Amino acid sequence: MFLQLFGVATVALGLRETRKLFGYPHFFQLTLTWAKRFPKYYLRPITAEVNLTLPAIEMSMSGYTWRPADPNAPIEKRLEAIEANLSDLNARFDQSQQRQDHEIRKTRSQLDEERILRENEDHETRKKLEAAQTGGLRISAVGLVWLSLGIIMSSTSGR
């Protein structure tokens, strides 16, 4: 009988280790949680509260100036206004290109960080799965030996 109990205890220990490895609560915590779900003998008043949060609004604004060219102005003045407008247009284009490059770099950086984090988590998950599957074999094998010996010994005559 003791050998059978040792076998059962060993299997229970293996289950406990596997649950702990994956962060699951132990058996007694599950039992307490289950017991707390039973309805109480008296009813308590129920109150509720609702909070509403709207998503953050992100806005971007920009502005520019344009130098109009008077059609009656001399050619030099009109050419000067066109050159100033072209210079401003080029500056706005450069700023837009810089913002776009910044956003692309930021997005690539975030994607790289996410990829590295995901790879690390995958590696940790593989290690846990391997430990759970192969580490539990040792404990289960010992439990099987104890259980087998207990069954054999209990079935022999005790004369």
N, C-alpha and C. Protein backbone atom coordinates (compact mmCIF):
# COMPACT_ATOMS: atom_id res chain seq x y z
N MET A 1 0.82 -1.19 0.00
CA MET A 1 0.00 0.00 0.00
C MET A 1 0.87 1.26 0.00
N PHE A 2 1.96 1.22 0.78
CA PHE A 2 2.83 2.39 0.83
C PHE A 2 3.50 2.64 -0.52
N LEU A 3 3.86 1.57 -1.22
CA LEU A 3 4.46 1.74 -2.53
C LEU A 3 3.47 2.36 -3.51
N GLN A 4 2.20 1.97 -3.43
CA GLN A 4 1.17 2.57 -4.27
C GLN A 4 1.01 4.05 -3.94
N LEU A 5 0.99 4.34 -2.66
CA LEU A 5 0.87 5.74 -2.25
C LEU A 5 2.08 6.56 -2.69
N PHE A 6 3.28 5.97 -2.62
CA PHE A 6 4.47 6.66 -3.13
C PHE A 6 4.34 6.93 -4.62
N GLY A 7 3.80 5.97 -5.37
CA GLY A 7 3.60 6.15 -6.80
C GLY A 7 2.63 7.27 -7.11
N VAL A 8 1.51 7.28 -6.40
CA VAL A 8 0.52 8.35 -6.60
C VAL A 8 1.10 9.70 -6.20
N ALA A 9 1.84 9.75 -5.09
CA ALA A 9 2.44 11.00 -4.64
C ALA A 9 3.46 11.51 -5.67
N THR A 10 4.22 10.59 -6.27
CA THR A 10 5.20 11.00 -7.26
C THR A 10 4.54 11.59 -8.49
N VAL A 11 3.45 10.98 -8.95
CA VAL A 11 2.72 11.51 -10.10
C VAL A 11 2.13 12.88 -9.75
N ALA A 12 1.59 13.01 -8.55
CA ALA A 12 1.04 14.30 -8.11
C ALA A 12 2.13 15.37 -8.07
N LEU A 13 3.33 14.98 -7.61
CA LEU A 13 4.44 15.92 -7.58
C LEU A 13 4.82 16.35 -9.00
N GLY A 14 4.80 15.42 -9.95
CA GLY A 14 5.09 15.76 -11.34
C GLY A 14 4.07 16.73 -11.91
N LEU A 15 2.81 16.49 -11.60
CA LEU A 15 1.76 17.42 -12.06
C LEU A 15 1.95 18.80 -11.45
N ARG A 16 2.29 18.84 -10.17
CA ARG A 16 2.49 20.11 -9.48
C ARG A 16 3.66 20.89 -10.11
N GLU A 17 4.75 20.19 -10.41
CA GLU A 17 5.91 20.84 -11.03
C GLU A 17 5.57 21.38 -12.42
N THR A 18 4.81 20.63 -13.19
CA THR A 18 4.43 21.09 -14.53
C THR A 18 3.52 22.32 -14.43
N ARG A 19 2.58 22.31 -13.50
CA ARG A 19 1.71 23.47 -13.31
C ARG A 19 2.52 24.69 -12.88
N LYS A 20 3.48 24.49 -12.00
CA LYS A 20 4.30 25.59 -11.52
C LYS A 20 5.16 26.14 -12.66
N LEU A 21 5.67 25.25 -13.51
CA LEU A 21 6.51 25.66 -14.63
C LEU A 21 5.78 26.60 -15.58
N PHE A 22 4.49 26.34 -15.81
CA PHE A 22 3.71 27.17 -16.72
C PHE A 22 2.93 28.27 -16.00
N GLY A 23 3.14 28.42 -14.69
CA GLY A 23 2.52 29.52 -13.97
C GLY A 23 1.06 29.30 -13.60
N TYR A 24 0.60 28.05 -13.60
CA TYR A 24 -0.77 27.76 -13.20
C TYR A 24 -0.85 27.69 -11.68
N PRO A 25 -2.00 28.05 -11.10
CA PRO A 25 -2.14 27.97 -9.65
C PRO A 25 -2.12 26.52 -9.17
N HIS A 26 -1.69 26.32 -7.92
CA HIS A 26 -1.67 24.95 -7.40
C HIS A 26 -3.08 24.49 -7.04
N PHE A 27 -3.20 23.22 -6.72
CA PHE A 27 -4.50 22.58 -6.52
C PHE A 27 -5.32 23.27 -5.43
N PHE A 28 -4.68 23.65 -4.34
CA PHE A 28 -5.42 24.26 -3.23
C PHE A 28 -5.95 25.64 -3.61
N GLN A 29 -5.20 26.39 -4.41
CA GLN A 29 -5.72 27.68 -4.89
C GLN A 29 -6.93 27.47 -5.79
N LEU A 30 -6.88 26.45 -6.64
CA LEU A 30 -8.03 26.14 -7.49
C LEU A 30 -9.25 25.76 -6.65
N THR A 31 -9.01 24.97 -5.61
CA THR A 31 -10.11 24.55 -4.74
C THR A 31 -10.73 25.77 -4.04
N LEU A 32 -9.90 26.67 -3.54
CA LEU A 32 -10.41 27.87 -2.87
C LEU A 32 -11.19 28.76 -3.85
N THR A 33 -10.68 28.91 -5.04
CA THR A 33 -11.38 29.71 -6.05
C THR A 33 -12.73 29.09 -6.39
N TRP A 34 -12.74 27.78 -6.53
CA TRP A 34 -13.98 27.06 -6.82
C TRP A 34 -14.99 27.24 -5.67
N ALA A 35 -14.51 27.15 -4.43
CA ALA A 35 -15.40 27.28 -3.27
C ALA A 35 -15.96 28.71 -3.15
N LYS A 36 -15.18 29.69 -3.53
CA LYS A 36 -15.64 31.08 -3.43
C LYS A 36 -16.71 31.42 -4.45
N ARG A 37 -16.86 30.60 -5.49
CA ARG A 37 -17.87 30.87 -6.50
C ARG A 37 -19.27 30.47 -6.06
N PHE A 38 -19.38 29.71 -4.98
CA PHE A 38 -20.71 29.33 -4.50
C PHE A 38 -21.46 30.57 -4.03
N PRO A 39 -22.77 30.59 -4.24
CA PRO A 39 -23.53 31.77 -3.82
C PRO A 39 -23.58 31.88 -2.29
N LYS A 40 -23.64 33.09 -1.83
CA LYS A 40 -23.72 33.35 -0.40
C LYS A 40 -25.15 33.11 0.09
N TYR A 41 -25.28 32.97 1.39
CA TYR A 41 -26.60 32.74 1.97
C TYR A 41 -27.45 34.02 2.01
N TYR A 42 -26.80 35.16 1.95
CA TYR A 42 -27.52 36.43 1.95
C TYR A 42 -27.10 37.21 0.71
N LEU A 43 -28.00 38.04 0.26
CA LEU A 43 -27.72 38.83 -0.93
C LEU A 43 -27.16 40.19 -0.53
N ARG A 44 -26.13 40.58 -1.19
CA ARG A 44 -25.55 41.89 -0.95
C ARG A 44 -26.07 42.84 -2.03
N PRO A 45 -26.22 44.12 -1.71
CA PRO A 45 -26.62 45.06 -2.76
C PRO A 45 -25.51 45.17 -3.81
N ILE A 46 -25.94 45.28 -5.04
CA ILE A 46 -24.99 45.35 -6.15
C ILE A 46 -24.94 46.79 -6.65
N THR A 47 -23.75 47.32 -6.75
CA THR A 47 -23.57 48.66 -7.30
C THR A 47 -22.66 48.57 -8.51
N ALA A 48 -22.81 49.50 -9.40
CA ALA A 48 -21.99 49.49 -10.61
C ALA A 48 -21.51 50.91 -10.90
N GLU A 49 -20.41 50.98 -11.56
CA GLU A 49 -19.85 52.27 -11.95
C GLU A 49 -19.32 52.13 -13.36
N VAL A 50 -19.55 53.14 -14.18
CA VAL A 50 -19.09 53.10 -15.56
C VAL A 50 -18.20 54.30 -15.80
N ASN A 51 -17.04 54.03 -16.35
CA ASN A 51 -16.13 55.09 -16.75
C ASN A 51 -15.93 54.98 -18.25
N LEU A 52 -15.99 56.08 -18.93
CA LEU A 52 -15.83 56.10 -20.37
C LEU A 52 -14.60 56.92 -20.72
N THR A 53 -13.72 56.30 -21.46
CA THR A 53 -12.52 56.99 -21.91
C THR A 53 -12.48 56.95 -23.42
N LEU A 54 -12.40 58.10 -24.02
CA LEU A 54 -12.32 58.16 -25.47
C LEU A 54 -10.86 58.00 -25.90
N PRO A 55 -10.65 57.40 -27.04
CA PRO A 55 -9.26 57.24 -27.48
C PRO A 55 -8.60 58.59 -27.70
N ALA A 56 -7.31 58.62 -27.51
CA ALA A 56 -6.57 59.87 -27.68
C ALA A 56 -6.64 60.32 -29.14
N ILE A 57 -6.79 61.59 -29.28
CA ILE A 57 -6.87 62.16 -30.62
C ILE A 57 -5.50 62.75 -30.96
N GLU A 58 -4.97 62.32 -32.06
CA GLU A 58 -3.67 62.82 -32.49
C GLU A 58 -3.87 63.70 -33.71
N MET A 59 -3.34 64.90 -33.63
CA MET A 59 -3.52 65.84 -34.75
C MET A 59 -2.16 66.38 -35.17
N SER A 60 -2.08 66.71 -36.41
CA SER A 60 -0.88 67.33 -36.94
C SER A 60 -1.31 68.48 -37.85
N MET A 61 -0.66 69.60 -37.69
CA MET A 61 -1.04 70.76 -38.50
C MET A 61 0.22 71.36 -39.12
N SER A 62 0.03 71.96 -40.23
CA SER A 62 1.14 72.69 -40.85
C SER A 62 0.55 73.84 -41.66
N GLY A 63 1.37 74.75 -41.96
CA GLY A 63 0.92 75.91 -42.74
C GLY A 63 2.05 76.40 -43.64
N TYR A 64 1.72 77.21 -44.57
CA TYR A 64 2.74 77.74 -45.47
C TYR A 64 2.28 79.09 -45.99
N THR A 65 3.23 79.80 -46.52
CA THR A 65 2.93 81.10 -47.12
C THR A 65 3.22 81.02 -48.61
N TRP A 66 2.52 81.86 -49.34
CA TRP A 66 2.71 81.92 -50.79
C TRP A 66 2.78 83.39 -51.17
N ARG A 67 3.79 83.74 -51.90
CA ARG A 67 3.95 85.13 -52.32
C ARG A 67 3.29 85.31 -53.68
N PRO A 68 2.20 86.04 -53.69
CA PRO A 68 1.55 86.24 -54.99
C PRO A 68 2.37 87.18 -55.87
N ALA A 69 2.31 86.92 -57.14
CA ALA A 69 3.01 87.79 -58.10
C ALA A 69 1.96 88.66 -58.79
N ASP A 70 2.11 89.96 -58.63
CA ASP A 70 1.19 90.91 -59.27
C ASP A 70 1.42 90.86 -60.78
N PRO A 71 0.34 90.62 -61.55
CA PRO A 71 0.52 90.52 -63.01
C PRO A 71 1.03 91.82 -63.63
N ASN A 72 0.82 92.95 -62.95
CA ASN A 72 1.27 94.23 -63.51
C ASN A 72 2.68 94.59 -63.05
N ALA A 73 3.27 93.81 -62.17
CA ALA A 73 4.62 94.10 -61.65
C ALA A 73 5.65 93.80 -62.73
N PRO A 74 6.81 94.43 -62.61
CA PRO A 74 7.86 94.15 -63.59
C PRO A 74 8.30 92.68 -63.51
N ILE A 75 8.89 92.21 -64.55
CA ILE A 75 9.32 90.81 -64.66
C ILE A 75 10.25 90.44 -63.51
N GLU A 76 11.16 91.34 -63.10
CA GLU A 76 12.10 91.03 -62.03
C GLU A 76 11.37 90.74 -60.72
N LYS A 77 10.33 91.54 -60.40
CA LYS A 77 9.56 91.33 -59.17
C LYS A 77 8.78 90.01 -59.24
N ARG A 78 8.20 89.75 -60.41
CA ARG A 78 7.44 88.50 -60.57
C ARG A 78 8.38 87.30 -60.47
N LEU A 79 9.56 87.39 -61.08
CA LEU A 79 10.55 86.32 -61.02
C LEU A 79 11.05 86.12 -59.59
N GLU A 80 11.22 87.23 -58.87
CA GLU A 80 11.64 87.16 -57.47
C GLU A 80 10.60 86.43 -56.63
N ALA A 81 9.30 86.69 -56.83
CA ALA A 81 8.23 86.01 -56.09
C ALA A 81 8.19 84.53 -56.45
N ILE A 82 8.37 84.22 -57.73
CA ILE A 82 8.37 82.81 -58.16
C ILE A 82 9.55 82.07 -57.52
N GLU A 83 10.72 82.70 -57.48
CA GLU A 83 11.89 82.06 -56.86
C GLU A 83 11.68 81.86 -55.37
N ALA A 84 11.09 82.82 -54.68
CA ALA A 84 10.82 82.69 -53.24
C ALA A 84 9.82 81.56 -53.00
N ASN A 85 8.77 81.51 -53.83
CA ASN A 85 7.77 80.43 -53.68
C ASN A 85 8.40 79.06 -53.95
N LEU A 86 9.27 78.99 -54.94
CA LEU A 86 9.95 77.73 -55.26
C LEU A 86 10.87 77.32 -54.11
N SER A 87 11.54 78.28 -53.51
CA SER A 87 12.41 77.99 -52.36
C SER A 87 11.59 77.47 -51.17
N ASP A 88 10.45 78.13 -50.90
CA ASP A 88 9.58 77.67 -49.82
C ASP A 88 9.02 76.27 -50.11
N LEU A 89 8.65 76.04 -51.35
CA LEU A 89 8.13 74.74 -51.75
C LEU A 89 9.18 73.65 -51.56
N ASN A 90 10.42 73.96 -51.91
CA ASN A 90 11.51 73.01 -51.72
C ASN A 90 11.74 72.73 -50.23
N ALA A 91 11.67 73.77 -49.39
CA ALA A 91 11.86 73.59 -47.95
C ALA A 91 10.74 72.71 -47.37
N ARG A 92 9.50 72.95 -47.78
CA ARG A 92 8.38 72.13 -47.31
C ARG A 92 8.54 70.68 -47.76
N PHE A 93 8.99 70.49 -48.98
CA PHE A 93 9.22 69.14 -49.48
C PHE A 93 10.29 68.44 -48.65
N ASP A 94 11.39 69.16 -48.35
CA ASP A 94 12.45 68.58 -47.52
C ASP A 94 11.94 68.20 -46.13
N GLN A 95 11.14 69.09 -45.53
CA GLN A 95 10.58 68.78 -44.20
C GLN A 95 9.67 67.56 -44.25
N SER A 96 8.86 67.49 -45.28
CA SER A 96 7.97 66.35 -45.44
C SER A 96 8.77 65.05 -45.60
N GLN A 97 9.81 65.11 -46.39
CA GLN A 97 10.67 63.94 -46.60
C GLN A 97 11.34 63.53 -45.29
N GLN A 98 11.80 64.49 -44.50
CA GLN A 98 12.44 64.19 -43.22
C GLN A 98 11.44 63.54 -42.25
N ARG A 99 10.21 64.07 -42.21
CA ARG A 99 9.18 63.47 -41.34
C ARG A 99 8.90 62.04 -41.77
N GLN A 100 8.79 61.83 -43.07
CA GLN A 100 8.51 60.48 -43.58
C GLN A 100 9.67 59.54 -43.24
N ASP A 101 10.90 59.99 -43.43
CA ASP A 101 12.06 59.16 -43.09
C ASP A 101 12.09 58.85 -41.60
N HIS A 102 11.76 59.84 -40.77
CA HIS A 102 11.72 59.62 -39.32
C HIS A 102 10.67 58.56 -38.96
N GLU A 103 9.48 58.66 -39.55
CA GLU A 103 8.42 57.69 -39.27
C GLU A 103 8.81 56.29 -39.74
N ILE A 104 9.46 56.20 -40.88
CA ILE A 104 9.91 54.89 -41.39
C ILE A 104 10.94 54.28 -40.44
N ARG A 105 11.91 55.09 -40.00
CA ARG A 105 12.92 54.59 -39.05
C ARG A 105 12.28 54.15 -37.74
N LYS A 106 11.32 54.96 -37.25
CA LYS A 106 10.65 54.62 -36.00
C LYS A 106 9.86 53.32 -36.13
N THR A 107 9.16 53.15 -37.25
CA THR A 107 8.38 51.93 -37.47
C THR A 107 9.30 50.73 -37.60
N ARG A 108 10.40 50.86 -38.32
CA ARG A 108 11.34 49.75 -38.45
C ARG A 108 11.92 49.38 -37.09
N SER A 109 12.25 50.38 -36.30
CA SER A 109 12.80 50.12 -34.97
C SER A 109 11.79 49.38 -34.10
N GLN A 110 10.52 49.81 -34.14
CA GLN A 110 9.49 49.13 -33.36
C GLN A 110 9.29 47.69 -33.84
N LEU A 111 9.32 47.49 -35.15
CA LEU A 111 9.18 46.14 -35.69
C LEU A 111 10.35 45.25 -35.28
N ASP A 112 11.56 45.80 -35.30
CA ASP A 112 12.73 45.02 -34.86
C ASP A 112 12.63 44.66 -33.38
N GLU A 113 12.21 45.63 -32.55
CA GLU A 113 12.05 45.35 -31.12
C GLU A 113 10.99 44.27 -30.90
N GLU A 114 9.89 44.36 -31.62
CA GLU A 114 8.83 43.36 -31.48
C GLU A 114 9.31 41.99 -31.93
N ARG A 115 10.07 41.95 -33.03
CA ARG A 115 10.59 40.67 -33.53
C ARG A 115 11.53 40.04 -32.50
N ILE A 116 12.43 40.84 -31.93
CA ILE A 116 13.37 40.33 -30.93
C ILE A 116 12.61 39.84 -29.70
N LEU A 117 11.64 40.61 -29.24
CA LEU A 117 10.84 40.20 -28.09
C LEU A 117 10.08 38.91 -28.37
N ARG A 118 9.50 38.80 -29.56
CA ARG A 118 8.76 37.60 -29.93
C ARG A 118 9.69 36.39 -30.01
N GLU A 119 10.88 36.57 -30.58
CA GLU A 119 11.84 35.46 -30.66
C GLU A 119 12.26 35.02 -29.27
N ASN A 120 12.49 35.97 -28.36
CA ASN A 120 12.86 35.62 -26.99
C ASN A 120 11.74 34.86 -26.29
N GLU A 121 10.51 35.33 -26.47
CA GLU A 121 9.37 34.64 -25.87
C GLU A 121 9.19 33.25 -26.46
N ASP A 122 9.39 33.11 -27.77
CA ASP A 122 9.31 31.78 -28.40
C ASP A 122 10.37 30.85 -27.83
N HIS A 123 11.57 31.38 -27.64
CA HIS A 123 12.64 30.56 -27.08
C HIS A 123 12.30 30.11 -25.65
N GLU A 124 11.78 31.05 -24.84
CA GLU A 124 11.39 30.70 -23.47
C GLU A 124 10.27 29.66 -23.47
N THR A 125 9.32 29.81 -24.38
CA THR A 125 8.22 28.85 -24.46
C THR A 125 8.73 27.47 -24.84
N ARG A 126 9.66 27.43 -25.80
CA ARG A 126 10.25 26.13 -26.19
C ARG A 126 10.96 25.48 -25.01
N LYS A 127 11.72 26.29 -24.25
CA LYS A 127 12.42 25.75 -23.09
C LYS A 127 11.44 25.20 -22.06
N LYS A 128 10.35 25.92 -21.83
CA LYS A 128 9.35 25.45 -20.86
C LYS A 128 8.68 24.17 -21.34
N LEU A 129 8.33 24.13 -22.64
CA LEU A 129 7.71 22.92 -23.17
C LEU A 129 8.65 21.73 -23.08
N GLU A 130 9.91 21.96 -23.40
CA GLU A 130 10.88 20.87 -23.33
C GLU A 130 11.04 20.39 -21.89
N ALA A 131 11.13 21.34 -20.96
CA ALA A 131 11.29 20.96 -19.56
C ALA A 131 10.05 20.24 -19.04
N ALA A 132 8.87 20.69 -19.49
CA ALA A 132 7.64 20.05 -19.03
C ALA A 132 7.51 18.64 -19.59
N GLN A 133 7.89 18.47 -20.84
CA GLN A 133 7.72 17.16 -21.47
C GLN A 133 8.81 16.18 -21.07
N THR A 134 10.04 16.62 -20.99
CA THR A 134 11.12 15.69 -20.67
C THR A 134 11.39 15.62 -19.18
N GLY A 135 11.25 16.73 -18.47
CA GLY A 135 11.50 16.72 -17.02
C GLY A 135 10.45 15.92 -16.29
N GLY A 136 9.22 15.96 -16.76
CA GLY A 136 8.15 15.20 -16.12
C GLY A 136 8.27 13.71 -16.36
N LEU A 137 9.02 13.31 -17.38
CA LEU A 137 9.19 11.89 -17.66
C LEU A 137 9.91 11.18 -16.52
N ARG A 138 10.91 11.83 -15.98
CA ARG A 138 11.67 11.24 -14.87
C ARG A 138 10.76 11.01 -13.66
N ILE A 139 9.99 12.02 -13.32
CA ILE A 139 9.10 11.91 -12.17
C ILE A 139 8.02 10.87 -12.44
N SER A 140 7.46 10.89 -13.65
CA SER A 140 6.43 9.90 -13.98
C SER A 140 6.99 8.49 -13.97
N ALA A 141 8.24 8.32 -14.43
CA ALA A 141 8.85 6.98 -14.42
C ALA A 141 9.02 6.48 -13.00
N VAL A 142 9.47 7.33 -12.10
CA VAL A 142 9.61 6.92 -10.69
C VAL A 142 8.24 6.58 -10.12
N GLY A 143 7.23 7.38 -10.45
CA GLY A 143 5.88 7.09 -9.98
C GLY A 143 5.38 5.77 -10.51
N LEU A 144 5.68 5.47 -11.75
CA LEU A 144 5.28 4.19 -12.34
C LEU A 144 5.94 3.03 -11.63
N VAL A 145 7.22 3.18 -11.30
CA VAL A 145 7.93 2.11 -10.58
C VAL A 145 7.28 1.88 -9.22
N TRP A 146 7.05 2.95 -8.46
CA TRP A 146 6.43 2.82 -7.14
C TRP A 146 5.04 2.18 -7.25
N LEU A 147 4.27 2.63 -8.21
CA LEU A 147 2.92 2.11 -8.38
C LEU A 147 2.96 0.64 -8.79
N SER A 148 3.84 0.29 -9.70
CA SER A 148 3.96 -1.11 -10.13
C SER A 148 4.38 -2.00 -8.98
N LEU A 149 5.39 -1.57 -8.22
CA LEU A 149 5.83 -2.37 -7.08
C LEU A 149 4.71 -2.50 -6.04
N GLY A 150 3.95 -1.42 -5.85
CA GLY A 150 2.86 -1.48 -4.88
C GLY A 150 1.79 -2.46 -5.32
N ILE A 151 1.46 -2.45 -6.60
CA ILE A 151 0.44 -3.38 -7.11
C ILE A 151 0.93 -4.82 -7.00
N ILE A 152 2.20 -5.05 -7.36
CA ILE A 152 2.74 -6.42 -7.29
C ILE A 152 2.76 -6.89 -5.84
N MET A 153 3.24 -6.07 -4.95
CA MET A 153 3.36 -6.48 -3.55
C MET A 153 1.98 -6.67 -2.90
N SER A 154 1.00 -5.86 -3.31
CA SER A 154 -0.32 -6.02 -2.68
C SER A 154 -1.05 -7.24 -3.20
N SER A 155 -0.68 -7.72 -4.38
CA SER A 155 -1.37 -8.89 -4.91
C SER A 155 -0.72 -10.19 -4.45
N THR A 156 0.47 -10.14 -3.86
CA THR A 156 1.08 -11.36 -3.35
C THR A 156 0.44 -11.71 -2.03
N SER A 157 0.44 -12.98 -1.72
CA SER A 157 -0.19 -13.41 -0.48
C SER A 157 0.70 -13.03 0.70
N GLY A 158 0.09 -12.66 1.76
CA GLY A 158 0.82 -12.20 2.93
C GLY A 158 0.97 -13.27 3.99
N ARG A 159 1.03 -14.54 3.65
CA ARG A 159 1.13 -15.61 4.65
C ARG A 159 2.43 -15.68 5.27
